[in-house]
Amino acid sequence: MAARDLRGGRLSGVAAGAIGLVVCLALVTLWLRLKSPEEAQKTTAEFTHLNIKTWHVLDELPCELAQFETVFWEPKDTTSLRNWLRTEGKLLGRQVLEIGTGTGIVALCCGHSGAERVIATDINPNAVANARYNAELCGLTNRVEVRQVPRNAPGPFSVLNANEQFDFIMSNPPWEDAAVEELAAHALYDPGFELLDGMLRDGAKYLKPHGRLLLAYGARTAIDRVLRSAPKFGWRARIIDERELETLPEVFVPGMLLELSQNGF
């Protein structure tokens, strides 16, 4: 975990965690009063064992975001992607898939920016619960659906139906090629870059005509792999960033945004 920890994700201390848990329980109690018995039962089952690590604020969202234990947080990873999302009207009425949602930052920004439907996925069950919880806090459950990726089928599109297609597929994937020894490490490492290769190999099947694949990376090895491999799968790729990749260290923040298309730009 230490390598990725250099990119941020600091604890706010035991006190912040305790305060966050108290606030969380109060919010759950309020939801239970407002929901139907069926909804209340579902909420209780999903959020009874919350363990909030800390709370965060993003300028793009009208609500504070909870970060659960074992869920990665580093908003600088996706600064370039979220800046791209801010373009007026770009997501209005669009269908979006986010792969590896974590706390739900990107998915929630998409919903808040007018996306009609956002499907967010993650292999870490704590991240799935975390993103669903934050969607509740931000009032975006009508736009953002979070799906659990099974450990025995970890491919980037394993939880999609064959006929599901999107205007945009987005991901801030793990940046480094290393073994995953615990579930939370899926946020940090992509062994053999299998996740990346799966997105490049199969992503076009799940995009509408003229759709885009958007990847946020802050590691030169991963970016070089995208640029080298993309043409093999029919993609045209470009970097949307003012920095020169060659001048940056191997791992850096903010991450760079790569835009890929099967039809040119």
C-alpha atoms as a PDB file:
ATOM      1  CA  MET A   1       0.000   0.000   0.000  1.00  0.00           C
ATOM      2  CA  ALA A   2       2.938   2.329   0.699  1.00  0.00           C
ATOM      3  CA  ALA A   3       3.709   3.112  -2.929  1.00  0.00           C
ATOM      4  CA  ARG A   4       0.259   4.498  -3.653  1.00  0.00           C
ATOM      5  CA  ASP A   5       0.085   6.217  -0.237  1.00  0.00           C
ATOM      6  CA  LEU A   6       2.683   8.690  -1.550  1.00  0.00           C
ATOM      7  CA  ARG A   7      -0.154  10.106  -3.652  1.00  0.00           C
ATOM      8  CA  GLY A   8      -2.205  11.154  -0.632  1.00  0.00           C
ATOM      9  CA  GLY A   9      -5.060   9.669   1.379  1.00  0.00           C
ATOM     10  CA  ARG A  10      -4.116  10.784   4.878  1.00  0.00           C
ATOM     11  CA  LEU A  11      -6.020   9.949   8.044  1.00  0.00           C
ATOM     12  CA  SER A  12      -7.638  12.808   9.908  1.00  0.00           C
ATOM     13  CA  GLY A  13      -7.172  11.053  13.241  1.00  0.00           C
ATOM     14  CA  VAL A  14      -9.204   8.975  15.607  1.00  0.00           C
ATOM     15  CA  ALA A  15     -11.320  11.925  16.690  1.00  0.00           C
ATOM     16  CA  ALA A  16     -12.464  12.640  13.156  1.00  0.00           C
ATOM     17  CA  GLY A  17     -13.384   9.004  12.689  1.00  0.00           C
ATOM     18  CA  ALA A  18     -15.418   8.953  15.866  1.00  0.00           C
ATOM     19  CA  ILE A  19     -17.253  12.146  14.947  1.00  0.00           C
ATOM     20  CA  GLY A  20     -17.888  10.785  11.474  1.00  0.00           C
ATOM     21  CA  LEU A  21     -19.402   7.597  12.880  1.00  0.00           C
ATOM     22  CA  VAL A  22     -21.744   9.547  15.140  1.00  0.00           C
ATOM     23  CA  VAL A  23     -22.854  11.735  12.235  1.00  0.00           C
ATOM     24  CA  CYS A  24     -23.280   8.670  10.061  1.00  0.00           C
ATOM     25  CA  LEU A  25     -25.541   6.926  12.564  1.00  0.00           C
ATOM     26  CA  ALA A  26     -27.630  10.072  12.957  1.00  0.00           C
ATOM     27  CA  LEU A  27     -28.085  10.272   9.181  1.00  0.00           C
ATOM     28  CA  VAL A  28     -29.073   6.622   8.972  1.00  0.00           C
ATOM     29  CA  THR A  29     -31.664   7.179  11.701  1.00  0.00           C
ATOM     30  CA  LEU A  30     -33.102  10.120   9.762  1.00  0.00           C
ATOM     31  CA  TRP A  31     -33.291   8.037   6.567  1.00  0.00           C
ATOM     32  CA  LEU A  32     -35.127   5.272   8.375  1.00  0.00           C
ATOM     33  CA  ARG A  33     -37.794   7.728   9.495  1.00  0.00           C
ATOM     34  CA  LEU A  34     -38.304   9.034   5.966  1.00  0.00           C
ATOM     35  CA  LYS A  35     -38.196   5.754   4.044  1.00  0.00           C
ATOM     36  CA  SER A  36     -40.820   3.078   3.574  1.00  0.00           C
ATOM     37  CA  PRO A  37     -40.401  -0.085   5.716  1.00  0.00           C
ATOM     38  CA  GLU A  38     -38.911  -1.948   2.732  1.00  0.00           C
ATOM     39  CA  GLU A  39     -36.404   0.819   1.998  1.00  0.00           C
ATOM     40  CA  ALA A  40     -35.571   1.146   5.677  1.00  0.00           C
ATOM     41  CA  GLN A  41     -34.805  -2.555   5.919  1.00  0.00           C
ATOM     42  CA  LYS A  42     -32.460  -2.340   2.932  1.00  0.00           C
ATOM     43  CA  THR A  43     -30.698   0.722   4.344  1.00  0.00           C
ATOM     44  CA  THR A  44     -30.249  -0.948   7.741  1.00  0.00           C
ATOM     45  CA  ALA A  45     -28.786  -4.095   6.169  1.00  0.00           C
ATOM     46  CA  GLU A  46     -26.308  -2.200   4.016  1.00  0.00           C
ATOM     47  CA  PHE A  47     -25.077   0.446   6.432  1.00  0.00           C
ATOM     48  CA  THR A  48     -25.294  -1.195   9.895  1.00  0.00           C
ATOM     49  CA  HIS A  49     -21.583  -1.989   9.994  1.00  0.00           C
ATOM     50  CA  LEU A  50     -20.263   1.319   8.711  1.00  0.00           C
ATOM     51  CA  ASN A  51     -16.712   2.204   9.647  1.00  0.00           C
ATOM     52  CA  ILE A  52     -16.049   5.718   8.406  1.00  0.00           C
ATOM     53  CA  LYS A  53     -12.386   6.634   8.228  1.00  0.00           C
ATOM     54  CA  THR A  54     -12.861  10.355   7.629  1.00  0.00           C
ATOM     55  CA  TRP A  55     -14.860  12.977   5.704  1.00  0.00           C
ATOM     56  CA  HIS A  56     -13.895  15.041   2.661  1.00  0.00           C
ATOM     57  CA  VAL A  57     -15.137  18.089   0.774  1.00  0.00           C
ATOM     58  CA  LEU A  58     -14.919  18.597  -3.004  1.00  0.00           C
ATOM     59  CA  ASP A  59     -15.730  21.870  -4.731  1.00  0.00           C
ATOM     60  CA  GLU A  60     -17.684  20.032  -7.441  1.00  0.00           C
ATOM     61  CA  LEU A  61     -20.183  18.396  -5.079  1.00  0.00           C
ATOM     62  CA  PRO A  62     -22.779  19.918  -2.733  1.00  0.00           C
ATOM     63  CA  CYS A  63     -22.247  17.341   0.025  1.00  0.00           C
ATOM     64  CA  GLU A  64     -19.439  16.019   2.193  1.00  0.00           C
ATOM     65  CA  LEU A  65     -18.147  12.608   1.189  1.00  0.00           C
ATOM     66  CA  ALA A  66     -17.495   9.780   3.612  1.00  0.00           C
ATOM     67  CA  GLN A  67     -14.444   7.568   3.188  1.00  0.00           C
ATOM     68  CA  PHE A  68     -14.865   4.058   4.561  1.00  0.00           C
ATOM     69  CA  GLU A  69     -12.036   1.917   5.907  1.00  0.00           C
ATOM     70  CA  THR A  70     -10.006   0.154   3.156  1.00  0.00           C
ATOM     71  CA  VAL A  71     -11.368   2.518   0.463  1.00  0.00           C
ATOM     72  CA  PHE A  72      -8.738   4.552  -1.362  1.00  0.00           C
ATOM     73  CA  TRP A  73      -8.900   8.344  -1.496  1.00  0.00           C
ATOM     74  CA  GLU A  74      -6.743  10.687  -3.561  1.00  0.00           C
ATOM     75  CA  PRO A  75      -8.770  13.281  -5.505  1.00  0.00           C
ATOM     76  CA  LYS A  76      -5.657  14.570  -7.273  1.00  0.00           C
ATOM     77  CA  ASP A  77      -5.620  11.330  -9.250  1.00  0.00           C
ATOM     78  CA  THR A  78      -8.718  12.484 -11.133  1.00  0.00           C
ATOM     79  CA  THR A  79      -8.274  16.270 -11.186  1.00  0.00           C
ATOM     80  CA  SER A  80      -7.796  16.320 -14.962  1.00  0.00           C
ATOM     81  CA  LEU A  81     -10.794  14.041 -15.524  1.00  0.00           C
ATOM     82  CA  ARG A  82     -13.055  16.064 -13.234  1.00  0.00           C
ATOM     83  CA  ASN A  83     -11.951  19.288 -14.941  1.00  0.00           C
ATOM     84  CA  TRP A  84     -12.980  17.703 -18.239  1.00  0.00           C
ATOM     85  CA  LEU A  85     -16.377  16.829 -16.749  1.00  0.00           C
ATOM     86  CA  ARG A  86     -16.992  20.470 -15.846  1.00  0.00           C
ATOM     87  CA  THR A  87     -17.379  21.496 -19.485  1.00  0.00           C
ATOM     88  CA  GLU A  88     -20.902  22.864 -19.673  1.00  0.00           C
ATOM     89  CA  GLY A  89     -23.425  20.435 -21.100  1.00  0.00           C
ATOM     90  CA  LYS A  90     -20.898  17.699 -21.888  1.00  0.00           C
ATOM     91  CA  LEU A  91     -22.658  15.071 -19.773  1.00  0.00           C
ATOM     92  CA  LEU A  92     -26.225  16.306 -19.981  1.00  0.00           C
ATOM     93  CA  GLY A  93     -28.477  13.323 -20.641  1.00  0.00           C
ATOM     94  CA  ARG A  94     -25.517  10.976 -21.177  1.00  0.00           C
ATOM     95  CA  GLN A  95     -24.963   7.366 -20.106  1.00  0.00           C
ATOM     96  CA  VAL A  96     -21.730   6.784 -18.164  1.00  0.00           C
ATOM     97  CA  LEU A  97     -19.844   3.753 -16.864  1.00  0.00           C
ATOM     98  CA  GLU A  98     -17.140   4.206 -14.226  1.00  0.00           C
ATOM     99  CA  ILE A  99     -14.811   1.282 -13.538  1.00  0.00           C
ATOM    100  CA  GLY A 100     -13.279   1.248 -10.053  1.00  0.00           C
ATOM    101  CA  THR A 101     -15.371   3.892  -8.323  1.00  0.00           C
ATOM    102  CA  GLY A 102     -13.868   3.844  -4.819  1.00  0.00           C
ATOM    103  CA  THR A 103     -15.717   6.429  -2.745  1.00  0.00           C
ATOM    104  CA  GLY A 104     -17.722   7.367  -5.830  1.00  0.00           C
ATOM    105  CA  ILE A 105     -16.084  10.714  -6.600  1.00  0.00           C
ATOM    106  CA  VAL A 106     -16.161  10.535 -10.394  1.00  0.00           C
ATOM    107  CA  ALA A 107     -19.554   8.826 -10.618  1.00  0.00           C
ATOM    108  CA  LEU A 108     -21.126  11.437  -8.350  1.00  0.00           C
ATOM    109  CA  CYS A 109     -19.540  14.289 -10.297  1.00  0.00           C
ATOM    110  CA  CYS A 110     -21.042  12.787 -13.461  1.00  0.00           C
ATOM    111  CA  GLY A 111     -24.491  12.581 -11.891  1.00  0.00           C
ATOM    112  CA  HIS A 112     -24.208  16.092 -10.511  1.00  0.00           C
ATOM    113  CA  SER A 113     -23.145  17.356 -13.968  1.00  0.00           C
ATOM    114  CA  GLY A 114     -26.334  16.090 -15.581  1.00  0.00           C
ATOM    115  CA  ALA A 115     -25.578  12.522 -16.662  1.00  0.00           C
ATOM    116  CA  GLU A 116     -28.867  10.678 -17.032  1.00  0.00           C
ATOM    117  CA  ARG A 117     -27.525   7.338 -15.833  1.00  0.00           C
ATOM    118  CA  VAL A 118     -24.233   6.354 -14.219  1.00  0.00           C
ATOM    119  CA  ILE A 119     -23.194   2.793 -13.461  1.00  0.00           C
ATOM    120  CA  ALA A 120     -20.218   2.613 -11.104  1.00  0.00           C
ATOM    121  CA  THR A 121     -18.406  -0.634 -10.305  1.00  0.00           C
ATOM    122  CA  ASP A 122     -15.838  -1.843  -7.802  1.00  0.00           C
ATOM    123  CA  ILE A 123     -14.386  -5.139  -6.609  1.00  0.00           C
ATOM    124  CA  ASN A 124     -14.007  -3.949  -3.001  1.00  0.00           C
ATOM    125  CA  PRO A 125     -17.364  -4.420  -1.186  1.00  0.00           C
ATOM    126  CA  ASN A 126     -16.460  -1.583   1.186  1.00  0.00           C
ATOM    127  CA  ALA A 127     -16.060   0.700  -1.826  1.00  0.00           C
ATOM    128  CA  VAL A 128     -19.424  -0.394  -3.219  1.00  0.00           C
ATOM    129  CA  ALA A 129     -21.104   0.383   0.113  1.00  0.00           C
ATOM    130  CA  ASN A 130     -19.122   3.633   0.342  1.00  0.00           C
ATOM    131  CA  ALA A 131     -20.179   4.869  -3.097  1.00  0.00           C
ATOM    132  CA  ARG A 132     -23.819   3.950  -2.434  1.00  0.00           C
ATOM    133  CA  TYR A 133     -23.691   5.769   0.879  1.00  0.00           C
ATOM    134  CA  ASN A 134     -22.234   8.902  -0.707  1.00  0.00           C
ATOM    135  CA  ALA A 135     -24.831   8.755  -3.467  1.00  0.00           C
ATOM    136  CA  GLU A 136     -27.474   8.839  -0.722  1.00  0.00           C
ATOM    137  CA  LEU A 137     -25.788  11.813   0.937  1.00  0.00           C
ATOM    138  CA  CYS A 138     -25.652  13.721  -2.358  1.00  0.00           C
ATOM    139  CA  GLY A 139     -29.212  12.854  -3.377  1.00  0.00           C
ATOM    140  CA  LEU A 140     -28.026  11.079  -6.531  1.00  0.00           C
ATOM    141  CA  THR A 141     -29.363   7.539  -6.089  1.00  0.00           C
ATOM    142  CA  ASN A 142     -31.809   8.172  -8.937  1.00  0.00           C
ATOM    143  CA  ARG A 143     -28.860   8.672 -11.313  1.00  0.00           C
ATOM    144  CA  VAL A 144     -26.007   6.610  -9.857  1.00  0.00           C
ATOM    145  CA  GLU A 145     -26.157   2.812  -9.588  1.00  0.00           C
ATOM    146  CA  VAL A 146     -23.231   1.006  -7.926  1.00  0.00           C
ATOM    147  CA  ARG A 147     -22.493  -2.639  -8.799  1.00  0.00           C
ATOM    148  CA  GLN A 148     -20.295  -5.174  -7.024  1.00  0.00           C
ATOM    149  CA  VAL A 149     -17.650  -6.889  -9.164  1.00  0.00           C
ATOM    150  CA  PRO A 150     -17.199 -10.514  -8.005  1.00  0.00           C
ATOM    151  CA  ARG A 151     -13.700 -11.636  -7.133  1.00  0.00           C
ATOM    152  CA  ASN A 152     -14.059 -14.705  -9.359  1.00  0.00           C
ATOM    153  CA  ALA A 153     -14.924 -12.508 -12.363  1.00  0.00           C
ATOM    154  CA  PRO A 154     -12.789  -9.369 -11.972  1.00  0.00           C
ATOM    155  CA  GLY A 155     -12.934  -8.216 -15.595  1.00  0.00           C
ATOM    156  CA  PRO A 156     -13.804  -4.568 -16.251  1.00  0.00           C
ATOM    157  CA  PHE A 157     -17.188  -5.405 -17.817  1.00  0.00           C
ATOM    158  CA  SER A 158     -18.163  -8.568 -15.945  1.00  0.00           C
ATOM    159  CA  VAL A 159     -21.201  -6.987 -14.250  1.00  0.00           C
ATOM    160  CA  LEU A 160     -22.690  -5.547 -17.440  1.00  0.00           C
ATOM    161  CA  ASN A 161     -25.351  -6.990 -19.671  1.00  0.00           C
ATOM    162  CA  ALA A 162     -24.306  -7.621 -23.241  1.00  0.00           C
ATOM    163  CA  ASN A 163     -26.656  -4.929 -24.561  1.00  0.00           C
ATOM    164  CA  GLU A 164     -25.580  -2.139 -22.200  1.00  0.00           C
ATOM    165  CA  GLN A 165     -23.777   0.721 -23.940  1.00  0.00           C
ATOM    166  CA  PHE A 166     -22.539   4.102 -22.795  1.00  0.00           C
ATOM    167  CA  ASP A 167     -21.530   7.472 -24.132  1.00  0.00           C
ATOM    168  CA  PHE A 168     -18.485   7.489 -21.850  1.00  0.00           C
ATOM    169  CA  ILE A 169     -16.505   4.814 -20.036  1.00  0.00           C
ATOM    170  CA  MET A 170     -14.299   6.333 -17.348  1.00  0.00           C
ATOM    171  CA  SER A 171     -11.718   4.933 -14.983  1.00  0.00           C
ATOM    172  CA  ASN A 172      -8.923   5.914 -12.657  1.00  0.00           C
ATOM    173  CA  PRO A 173      -7.439   2.413 -12.718  1.00  0.00           C
ATOM    174  CA  PRO A 174      -4.648   1.138 -10.496  1.00  0.00           C
ATOM    175  CA  TRP A 175      -1.445   2.539 -11.879  1.00  0.00           C
ATOM    176  CA  GLU A 176       1.166  -0.090 -11.088  1.00  0.00           C
ATOM    177  CA  ASP A 177       1.866  -3.670 -12.162  1.00  0.00           C
ATOM    178  CA  ALA A 178       2.224  -5.649  -8.924  1.00  0.00           C
ATOM    179  CA  ALA A 179       0.618  -8.565  -7.113  1.00  0.00           C
ATOM    180  CA  VAL A 180      -2.576  -8.003  -5.129  1.00  0.00           C
ATOM    181  CA  GLU A 181      -2.295  -9.606  -1.697  1.00  0.00           C
ATOM    182  CA  GLU A 182      -5.433  -8.124  -0.129  1.00  0.00           C
ATOM    183  CA  LEU A 183      -8.735  -6.898  -1.504  1.00  0.00           C
ATOM    184  CA  ALA A 184      -8.074  -3.199  -0.850  1.00  0.00           C
ATOM    185  CA  ALA A 185      -4.876  -3.379  -2.911  1.00  0.00           C
ATOM    186  CA  HIS A 186      -6.952  -3.638  -6.096  1.00  0.00           C
ATOM    187  CA  ALA A 187      -7.084   0.178  -5.899  1.00  0.00           C
ATOM    188  CA  LEU A 188      -3.298   0.297  -6.149  1.00  0.00           C
ATOM    189  CA  TYR A 189      -2.104  -2.545  -8.348  1.00  0.00           C
ATOM    190  CA  ASP A 190      -3.141  -4.061 -11.686  1.00  0.00           C
ATOM    191  CA  PRO A 191      -1.246  -7.372 -11.985  1.00  0.00           C
ATOM    192  CA  GLY A 192       0.054  -7.711 -15.509  1.00  0.00           C
ATOM    193  CA  PHE A 193      -2.106  -4.698 -16.399  1.00  0.00           C
ATOM    194  CA  GLU A 194      -4.956  -7.154 -16.986  1.00  0.00           C
ATOM    195  CA  LEU A 195      -7.614  -4.583 -16.079  1.00  0.00           C
ATOM    196  CA  LEU A 196      -6.163  -2.026 -18.487  1.00  0.00           C
ATOM    197  CA  ASP A 197      -5.790  -4.581 -21.259  1.00  0.00           C
ATOM    198  CA  GLY A 198      -9.393  -5.709 -20.709  1.00  0.00           C
ATOM    199  CA  MET A 199     -10.675  -2.158 -21.092  1.00  0.00           C
ATOM    200  CA  LEU A 200      -8.702  -1.711 -24.313  1.00  0.00           C
ATOM    201  CA  ARG A 201      -9.702  -5.102 -25.695  1.00  0.00           C
ATOM    202  CA  ASP A 202     -13.437  -5.020 -24.918  1.00  0.00           C
ATOM    203  CA  GLY A 203     -14.305  -1.382 -24.221  1.00  0.00           C
ATOM    204  CA  ALA A 204     -15.558  -0.585 -27.718  1.00  0.00           C
ATOM    205  CA  LYS A 205     -18.338  -3.192 -27.335  1.00  0.00           C
ATOM    206  CA  TYR A 206     -19.870  -1.160 -24.533  1.00  0.00           C
ATOM    207  CA  LEU A 207     -19.606   2.251 -26.160  1.00  0.00           C
ATOM    208  CA  LYS A 208     -22.215   3.908 -28.332  1.00  0.00           C
ATOM    209  CA  PRO A 209     -21.096   5.220 -31.734  1.00  0.00           C
ATOM    210  CA  HIS A 210     -18.648   8.083 -31.191  1.00  0.00           C
ATOM    211  CA  GLY A 211     -18.332   7.144 -27.508  1.00  0.00           C
ATOM    212  CA  ARG A 212     -15.167   7.825 -25.547  1.00  0.00           C
ATOM    213  CA  LEU A 213     -12.955   5.881 -23.129  1.00  0.00           C
ATOM    214  CA  LEU A 214     -11.400   8.229 -20.546  1.00  0.00           C
ATOM    215  CA  LEU A 215      -8.515   7.041 -18.376  1.00  0.00           C
ATOM    216  CA  ALA A 216      -6.840   8.977 -15.557  1.00  0.00           C
ATOM    217  CA  TYR A 217      -3.270   7.799 -14.986  1.00  0.00           C
ATOM    218  CA  GLY A 218      -0.335   9.262 -13.084  1.00  0.00           C
ATOM    219  CA  ALA A 219       2.331   6.680 -13.910  1.00  0.00           C
ATOM    220  CA  ARG A 220       4.535   6.838 -16.980  1.00  0.00           C
ATOM    221  CA  THR A 221       4.742   3.060 -17.435  1.00  0.00           C
ATOM    222  CA  ALA A 222       0.945   2.740 -17.536  1.00  0.00           C
ATOM    223  CA  ILE A 223       0.517   5.719 -19.872  1.00  0.00           C
ATOM    224  CA  ASP A 224       3.196   4.386 -22.230  1.00  0.00           C
ATOM    225  CA  ARG A 225       1.361   1.051 -22.267  1.00  0.00           C
ATOM    226  CA  VAL A 226      -1.919   2.754 -23.193  1.00  0.00           C
ATOM    227  CA  LEU A 227      -0.325   4.736 -26.015  1.00  0.00           C
ATOM    228  CA  ARG A 228       1.508   1.663 -27.319  1.00  0.00           C
ATOM    229  CA  SER A 229      -1.385  -0.827 -27.011  1.00  0.00           C
ATOM    230  CA  ALA A 230      -4.373   1.317 -27.998  1.00  0.00           C
ATOM    231  CA  PRO A 231      -3.833   1.106 -31.800  1.00  0.00           C
ATOM    232  CA  LYS A 232      -3.765  -2.708 -31.610  1.00  0.00           C
ATOM    233  CA  PHE A 233      -7.415  -2.599 -30.511  1.00  0.00           C
ATOM    234  CA  GLY A 234      -8.525   0.087 -32.951  1.00  0.00           C
ATOM    235  CA  TRP A 235      -8.259   3.049 -30.579  1.00  0.00           C
ATOM    236  CA  ARG A 236      -6.893   6.482 -31.276  1.00  0.00           C
ATOM    237  CA  ALA A 237      -5.471   7.943 -28.095  1.00  0.00           C
ATOM    238  CA  ARG A 238      -4.451  11.408 -27.009  1.00  0.00           C
ATOM    239  CA  ILE A 239      -3.276  13.000 -23.792  1.00  0.00           C
ATOM    240  CA  ILE A 240      -5.309  15.969 -22.546  1.00  0.00           C
ATOM    241  CA  ASP A 241      -2.720  17.727 -20.411  1.00  0.00           C
ATOM    242  CA  GLU A 242      -0.354  20.665 -20.786  1.00  0.00           C
ATOM    243  CA  ARG A 243       2.547  18.794 -19.174  1.00  0.00           C
ATOM    244  CA  GLU A 244       5.126  16.836 -21.167  1.00  0.00           C
ATOM    245  CA  LEU A 245       5.101  13.219 -20.065  1.00  0.00           C
ATOM    246  CA  GLU A 246       8.859  12.867 -20.522  1.00  0.00           C
ATOM    247  CA  THR A 247       9.514  15.579 -17.923  1.00  0.00           C
ATOM    248  CA  LEU A 248       7.552  13.843 -15.154  1.00  0.00           C
ATOM    249  CA  PRO A 249       8.679  11.222 -12.621  1.00  0.00           C
ATOM    250  CA  GLU A 250       7.503   7.631 -12.871  1.00  0.00           C
ATOM    251  CA  VAL A 251       4.569   8.260 -10.499  1.00  0.00           C
ATOM    252  CA  PHE A 252       3.047  11.735 -10.231  1.00  0.00           C
ATOM    253  CA  VAL A 253      -0.029  13.738  -9.300  1.00  0.00           C
ATOM    254  CA  PRO A 254      -2.270  15.193 -10.534  1.00  0.00           C
ATOM    255  CA  GLY A 255      -2.915  12.331 -12.906  1.00  0.00           C
ATOM    256  CA  MET A 256      -3.105  12.797 -16.677  1.00  0.00           C
ATOM    257  CA  LEU A 257      -6.282  12.346 -18.699  1.00  0.00           C
ATOM    258  CA  LEU A 258      -6.110  10.052 -21.728  1.00  0.00           C
ATOM    259  CA  GLU A 259      -8.979  10.151 -24.199  1.00  0.00           C
ATOM    260  CA  LEU A 260      -9.517   7.180 -26.496  1.00  0.00           C
ATOM    261  CA  SER A 261     -11.884   6.875 -29.433  1.00  0.00           C
ATOM    262  CA  GLN A 262     -12.570   4.319 -32.156  1.00  0.00           C
ATOM    263  CA  ASN A 263     -13.649   7.074 -34.576  1.00  0.00           C
ATOM    264  CA  GLY A 264     -11.045   9.805 -34.176  1.00  0.00           C
ATOM    265  CA  PHE A 265     -11.420  13.197 -32.559  1.00  0.00           C
END
